[in-house]
């Protein structure tokens, strides 16, 4: 496994040979949902946990949050074993499908959770108002949750997660059900929490958000942790396409490549890296001058697809 450690200070989340097998009845073959995994996430780090459906991400999260027990190995939050309730005092958790008592209003829900955290009444109210404003939900604070859309429920779930100022936040698909404005809001909140020194561990299929937010990522495929590290180091210098900008009259000139922009005296083209020389020669034949050649690194999504294909081989 490719793993790169790039953090200083305390370890917030750690797993040691963590594994999970689901056993059915006598006739069913056991399912190894999570193979022995060693992972460390530093305090104050935003860590993206990515992989295809069924990779074992939610299983890992359930073990970290004490909702399931591992078959073998251990998981720790700030050095305390995750199956001990004491480890979760500094934890905020948002599951992929949060469940609420929908006859309650947002303020009532947050007050209820605040009591579970033993927060004083005045602090519960103050913190609830701050968070409702933070997720642009103040005007719906007294509306029963049964009238909320999925995206609105997701925002209230985020308020519940942050209510007690946790030191570790674990989010399972936090962008689920959100429109572009909601996604931008959640991204901003994650970045703010990271800047405050909060550890953020989240899974997401929206890999552009992961690239924008995360310090490091871990890639899980078929229960196996394939690689861990900073995105730019995992991807390295893998170049898939090249963008070229040519200057000169180009009306009527056709290229067997993707034309990104075109004006009377300028054309920007994208092509596979192996076709770069051919494209430049053709441009020169038509008296077009190459003024910019930009190699385009593969995306995190393309890197993930590569890792999945390796596992299938």
Protein backbone atom coordinates (compact mmCIF):
# COMPACT_ATOMS: atom_id res chain seq x y z
CA UNK A 1 0.00 0.00 0.00
CA UNK A 2 1.17 3.50 -0.85
CA UNK A 3 1.07 5.54 2.37
CA UNK A 4 2.57 8.96 3.12
CA UNK A 5 2.42 10.56 6.57
CA UNK A 6 2.41 14.35 6.53
CA UNK A 7 1.23 15.73 9.85
CA UNK A 8 2.75 16.87 13.11
CA UNK A 9 1.43 16.76 16.65
CA UNK A 10 -1.21 14.46 18.13
CA UNK A 11 -2.94 11.59 16.38
CA UNK A 12 -6.70 12.16 16.44
CA UNK A 13 -7.87 8.96 14.71
CA UNK A 14 -5.97 5.71 14.51
CA UNK A 15 -6.71 2.17 13.43
CA UNK A 16 -4.48 -0.85 14.00
CA UNK A 17 -5.14 -3.96 11.89
CA UNK A 18 -8.81 -2.98 11.93
CA UNK A 19 -10.97 -5.57 10.16
CA UNK A 20 -14.62 -6.47 9.86
CA UNK A 21 -16.25 -9.67 8.59
CA UNK A 22 -20.00 -10.12 8.34
CA UNK A 23 -21.24 -13.64 9.00
CA UNK A 24 -24.55 -14.89 7.67
CA UNK A 25 -26.19 -18.24 8.34
CA UNK A 26 -24.50 -21.59 7.79
CA UNK A 27 -25.11 -21.58 4.03
CA UNK A 28 -23.81 -18.09 3.31
CA UNK A 29 -20.17 -17.27 2.77
CA UNK A 30 -18.76 -14.68 5.22
CA UNK A 31 -18.25 -11.23 3.71
CA UNK A 32 -14.94 -9.49 4.45
CA UNK A 33 -16.13 -5.89 4.43
CA UNK A 34 -12.86 -4.48 5.78
CA UNK A 35 -9.42 -6.06 5.53
CA UNK A 36 -6.81 -5.31 8.24
CA UNK A 37 -6.24 -1.57 8.04
CA UNK A 38 -3.60 0.67 9.64
CA UNK A 39 -4.41 4.35 9.42
CA UNK A 40 -3.50 7.55 11.25
CA UNK A 41 -5.19 10.94 10.97
CA UNK A 42 -3.54 13.92 12.61
CA UNK A 43 -5.21 16.47 14.87
CA UNK A 44 -6.54 19.41 12.84
CA UNK A 45 -6.40 17.51 9.57
CA UNK A 46 -9.15 17.37 6.94
CA UNK A 47 -9.00 13.77 5.72
CA UNK A 48 -10.98 12.44 2.77
CA UNK A 49 -12.00 8.78 2.84
CA UNK A 50 -12.97 7.75 -0.68
CA UNK A 51 -13.80 4.68 -2.70
CA UNK A 52 -16.61 3.06 -4.72
CA UNK A 53 -19.88 1.88 -3.21
CA UNK A 54 -19.37 -1.22 -1.08
CA UNK A 55 -15.69 -0.46 -0.45
CA UNK A 56 -16.08 -0.50 3.35
CA UNK A 57 -16.15 3.25 4.06
CA UNK A 58 -19.38 3.26 6.08
CA UNK A 59 -18.31 0.11 7.92
CA UNK A 60 -15.11 1.89 8.99
CA UNK A 61 -17.06 4.96 10.07
CA UNK A 62 -19.51 2.87 12.09
CA UNK A 63 -16.62 1.24 13.95
CA UNK A 64 -14.95 4.62 14.60
CA UNK A 65 -18.19 6.02 16.01
CA UNK A 66 -18.94 2.97 18.17
CA UNK A 67 -21.99 1.86 16.19
CA UNK A 68 -20.37 -1.46 15.27
CA UNK A 69 -17.64 -3.61 16.73
CA UNK A 70 -14.72 -4.75 14.66
CA UNK A 71 -14.04 -8.43 14.09
CA UNK A 72 -10.38 -7.82 14.91
CA UNK A 73 -8.00 -4.94 15.43
CA UNK A 74 -8.58 -1.65 17.21
CA UNK A 75 -9.75 1.88 16.49
CA UNK A 76 -8.87 4.91 18.62
CA UNK A 77 -10.09 8.49 18.98
CA UNK A 78 -7.46 10.62 20.70
CA UNK A 79 -5.92 7.45 22.10
CA UNK A 80 -9.17 6.04 23.53
CA UNK A 81 -10.68 2.89 22.05
CA UNK A 82 -13.68 3.82 19.93
CA UNK A 83 -16.01 1.22 21.45
CA UNK A 84 -15.69 2.95 24.85
CA UNK A 85 -18.31 5.67 25.29
CA UNK A 86 -15.69 7.96 26.83
CA UNK A 87 -13.96 8.24 23.44
CA UNK A 88 -17.01 9.92 21.91
CA UNK A 89 -17.25 12.95 24.20
CA UNK A 90 -15.28 15.05 21.71
CA UNK A 91 -16.89 13.48 18.62
CA UNK A 92 -19.46 14.95 16.25
CA UNK A 93 -21.00 12.54 13.72
CA UNK A 94 -23.27 13.02 10.71
CA UNK A 95 -24.42 9.75 9.10
CA UNK A 96 -25.32 9.55 5.42
CA UNK A 97 -29.02 9.34 6.27
CA UNK A 98 -29.57 11.17 9.56
CA UNK A 99 -32.78 10.31 11.39
CA UNK A 100 -34.76 12.87 13.36
CA UNK A 101 -38.09 13.05 15.16
CA UNK A 102 -39.75 14.95 12.34
CA UNK A 103 -42.66 16.27 14.43
CA UNK A 104 -40.12 18.48 16.21
CA UNK A 105 -38.86 21.82 14.95
CA UNK A 106 -35.18 22.49 14.27
CA UNK A 107 -34.80 24.42 17.52
CA UNK A 108 -36.47 21.60 19.47
CA UNK A 109 -34.23 18.99 17.84
CA UNK A 110 -31.07 20.94 18.66
CA UNK A 111 -32.28 21.56 22.23
CA UNK A 112 -32.87 17.81 22.61
CA UNK A 113 -29.36 16.95 21.42
CA UNK A 114 -27.90 19.71 23.57
CA UNK A 115 -29.41 18.03 26.62
CA UNK A 116 -27.81 14.73 25.61
CA UNK A 117 -24.47 16.59 25.62
CA UNK A 118 -25.29 18.00 29.11
CA UNK A 119 -25.11 21.55 27.77
CA UNK A 120 -26.67 24.25 30.01
CA UNK A 121 -29.96 25.67 28.70
CA UNK A 122 -28.59 29.13 27.90
CA UNK A 123 -25.61 27.62 26.05
CA UNK A 124 -27.90 25.29 24.08
CA UNK A 125 -30.03 28.18 22.88
CA UNK A 126 -27.10 30.42 22.03
CA UNK A 127 -25.24 27.70 20.15
CA UNK A 128 -28.40 26.59 18.28
CA UNK A 129 -29.06 30.11 17.01
CA UNK A 130 -25.43 30.49 15.92
CA UNK A 131 -25.54 27.26 13.94
CA UNK A 132 -28.94 27.86 12.36
CA UNK A 133 -27.63 31.17 11.11
CA UNK A 134 -24.42 29.52 9.94
CA UNK A 135 -26.34 27.09 7.69
CA UNK A 136 -28.88 29.75 6.56
CA UNK A 137 -31.79 28.06 8.36
CA UNK A 138 -32.81 30.68 10.95
CA UNK A 139 -36.12 31.43 9.25
CA UNK A 140 -37.06 27.73 9.37
CA UNK A 141 -36.08 27.19 13.00
CA UNK A 142 -39.69 26.81 14.18
CA UNK A 143 -40.86 24.72 11.22
CA UNK A 144 -41.45 20.99 11.89
CA UNK A 145 -38.80 18.85 10.21
CA UNK A 146 -41.48 16.84 8.38
CA UNK A 147 -41.82 19.86 6.08
CA UNK A 148 -38.10 19.95 5.26
CA UNK A 149 -36.45 18.81 2.05
CA UNK A 150 -33.59 16.29 2.18
CA UNK A 151 -31.06 19.09 1.78
CA UNK A 152 -32.60 21.07 4.66
CA UNK A 153 -32.49 17.98 6.89
CA UNK A 154 -28.82 17.57 5.97
CA UNK A 155 -28.15 21.12 7.17
CA UNK A 156 -29.87 20.45 10.49
CA UNK A 157 -27.82 17.28 10.79
CA UNK A 158 -24.71 19.38 10.37
CA UNK A 159 -25.92 21.73 13.14
CA UNK A 160 -26.42 18.73 15.43
CA UNK A 161 -22.91 17.50 14.58
CA UNK A 162 -21.29 20.81 15.53
CA UNK A 163 -23.54 21.67 18.49
CA UNK A 164 -21.13 20.75 21.29
CA UNK A 165 -17.96 22.07 19.60
CA UNK A 166 -16.43 18.62 18.96
CA UNK A 167 -12.70 18.11 18.40
CA UNK A 168 -13.30 15.36 15.82
CA UNK A 169 -16.01 15.52 13.15
CA UNK A 170 -16.88 12.40 11.14
CA UNK A 171 -19.14 12.97 8.15
CA UNK A 172 -20.53 10.20 5.94
CA UNK A 173 -21.46 11.71 2.54
CA UNK A 174 -22.15 15.21 3.94
CA UNK A 175 -22.93 16.62 0.45
CA UNK A 176 -25.78 14.14 -0.11
CA UNK A 177 -29.01 15.86 -1.16
CA UNK A 178 -27.49 19.33 -1.28
CA UNK A 179 -27.78 21.79 -4.15
CA UNK A 180 -24.65 23.69 -5.31
CA UNK A 181 -25.20 26.46 -2.74
CA UNK A 182 -25.60 23.89 0.03
CA UNK A 183 -22.44 22.09 -1.06
CA UNK A 184 -20.49 25.35 -1.05
CA UNK A 185 -21.82 26.10 2.43
CA UNK A 186 -20.75 22.69 3.77
CA UNK A 187 -17.32 23.07 2.14
CA UNK A 188 -16.89 26.44 3.83
CA UNK A 189 -17.88 25.02 7.22
CA UNK A 190 -15.43 22.12 6.88
CA UNK A 191 -12.63 24.54 6.00
CA UNK A 192 -13.56 26.79 8.96
CA UNK A 193 -13.54 23.84 11.35
CA UNK A 194 -10.16 22.72 10.02
CA UNK A 195 -8.78 26.23 10.54
CA UNK A 196 -10.03 26.08 14.15
CA UNK A 197 -7.97 22.93 14.67
CA UNK A 198 -10.85 20.45 14.46
CA UNK A 199 -10.11 17.09 12.87
CA UNK A 200 -12.48 16.37 9.97
CA UNK A 201 -12.82 12.84 8.60
CA UNK A 202 -15.33 12.50 5.79
CA UNK A 203 -16.35 10.25 2.94
CA UNK A 204 -17.76 11.63 -0.28
CA UNK A 205 -18.43 10.67 -3.90
CA UNK A 206 -18.08 14.35 -4.88
CA UNK A 207 -14.33 14.15 -5.48
CA UNK A 208 -13.98 17.76 -6.61
CA UNK A 209 -15.00 18.76 -3.07
CA UNK A 210 -12.47 16.33 -1.61
CA UNK A 211 -9.72 17.86 -3.75
CA UNK A 212 -10.70 21.37 -2.65
CA UNK A 213 -10.88 20.59 1.07
CA UNK A 214 -8.58 17.77 2.09
CA UNK A 215 -5.06 17.72 3.45
CA UNK A 216 -4.77 14.00 2.66
CA UNK A 217 -6.96 11.22 1.33
CA UNK A 218 -7.28 7.49 1.86
CA UNK A 219 -8.52 5.28 -0.97
CA UNK A 220 -10.47 2.16 -0.02
CA UNK A 221 -11.29 -0.51 -2.61
CA UNK A 222 -12.99 -3.83 -1.78
CA UNK A 223 -12.23 -3.39 1.91
CA UNK A 224 -8.53 -2.76 1.29
CA UNK A 225 -6.80 0.55 1.94
CA UNK A 226 -5.02 1.04 -1.36
CA UNK A 227 -3.17 4.30 -0.71
CA UNK A 228 -2.96 7.21 1.72
CA UNK A 229 -1.32 10.58 1.29
CA UNK A 230 -1.55 14.16 0.00
CA UNK A 231 -3.42 14.29 -3.30
CA UNK A 232 -0.59 15.95 -5.21
CA UNK A 233 1.85 13.26 -4.07
CA UNK A 234 -0.46 10.33 -4.78
CA UNK A 235 -1.24 11.56 -8.25
CA UNK A 236 2.29 12.83 -8.79
CA UNK A 237 3.08 13.98 -12.30
CA UNK A 238 0.67 11.71 -14.11
CA UNK A 239 -0.34 13.66 -17.21
CA UNK A 240 -3.21 12.51 -19.37
CA UNK A 241 -3.93 15.48 -21.64
CA UNK A 242 -2.20 18.62 -22.86
CA UNK A 243 -3.77 22.02 -23.48
CA UNK A 244 -2.14 24.14 -26.19
CA UNK A 245 -2.83 27.74 -27.11
CA UNK A 246 -2.02 28.77 -30.69
CA UNK A 247 -2.08 32.28 -32.11
CA UNK A 248 -2.77 33.21 -35.71
CA UNK A 249 -5.66 33.14 -38.21
CA UNK A 250 -7.31 29.72 -37.85
CA UNK A 251 -10.60 30.01 -39.72
CA UNK A 252 -11.40 26.75 -41.50
CA UNK A 253 -8.55 24.77 -39.92
CA UNK A 254 -9.77 21.49 -38.41
CA UNK A 255 -7.99 19.58 -35.64
CA UNK A 256 -8.63 15.99 -34.56
CA UNK A 257 -8.73 17.17 -30.97
CA UNK A 258 -11.04 18.94 -28.56
CA UNK A 259 -11.30 22.68 -29.29
CA UNK A 260 -11.81 24.49 -25.98
CA UNK A 261 -12.00 28.09 -27.20
CA UNK A 262 -11.68 29.69 -30.60
CA UNK A 263 -11.48 33.27 -31.85
CA UNK A 264 -10.33 34.78 -35.15
CA UNK A 265 -6.66 34.86 -34.12
CA UNK A 266 -6.46 32.38 -31.25
CA UNK A 267 -7.40 28.75 -30.62
CA UNK A 268 -7.03 26.59 -27.47
CA UNK A 269 -6.95 22.83 -28.00
CA UNK A 270 -6.88 19.82 -25.68
CA UNK A 271 -5.49 16.46 -26.81
CA UNK A 272 -4.06 13.24 -25.33
CA UNK A 273 -0.43 13.69 -24.32
CA UNK A 274 0.74 11.13 -26.90
CA UNK A 275 -0.79 13.24 -29.71
CA UNK A 276 0.85 16.49 -28.62
CA UNK A 277 3.69 16.49 -31.21
CA UNK A 278 1.33 15.68 -34.08
CA UNK A 279 -1.00 18.52 -33.14
CA UNK A 280 1.86 21.05 -32.88
CA UNK A 281 3.25 20.01 -36.28
CA UNK A 282 -0.14 20.51 -37.88
CA UNK A 283 -0.51 23.94 -36.28
CA UNK A 284 2.93 25.01 -37.52
CA UNK A 285 2.03 23.85 -41.04
CA UNK A 286 -0.84 26.37 -40.92
CA UNK A 287 1.44 29.13 -39.55
CA UNK A 288 -0.08 28.98 -36.07
CA UNK A 289 2.35 29.89 -33.30
CA UNK A 290 2.20 27.82 -30.04
CA UNK A 291 2.28 30.36 -27.18
CA UNK A 292 1.27 28.11 -24.29
CA UNK A 293 1.58 24.37 -23.67
CA UNK A 294 0.08 23.17 -20.41
CA UNK A 295 0.23 19.51 -19.26
CA UNK A 296 -3.00 18.61 -17.44
CA UNK A 297 -2.54 16.34 -14.44
CA UNK A 298 -5.08 13.56 -13.97
CA UNK A 299 -7.90 14.26 -11.55
CA UNK A 300 -8.51 12.53 -8.23
CA UNK A 301 -11.47 10.78 -9.86
CA UNK A 302 -9.24 9.37 -12.62
CA UNK A 303 -6.69 8.25 -10.02
CA UNK A 304 -9.45 6.48 -8.07
CA UNK A 305 -10.57 4.67 -11.23
CA UNK A 306 -6.97 3.50 -11.76
CA UNK A 307 -6.86 2.08 -8.23
CA UNK A 308 -10.18 0.29 -8.71
CA UNK A 309 -8.95 -1.23 -11.98
CA UNK A 310 -5.75 -2.44 -10.30
CA UNK A 311 -7.81 -4.26 -7.68
CA UNK A 312 -9.91 -5.91 -10.37
CA UNK A 313 -6.87 -7.25 -12.25
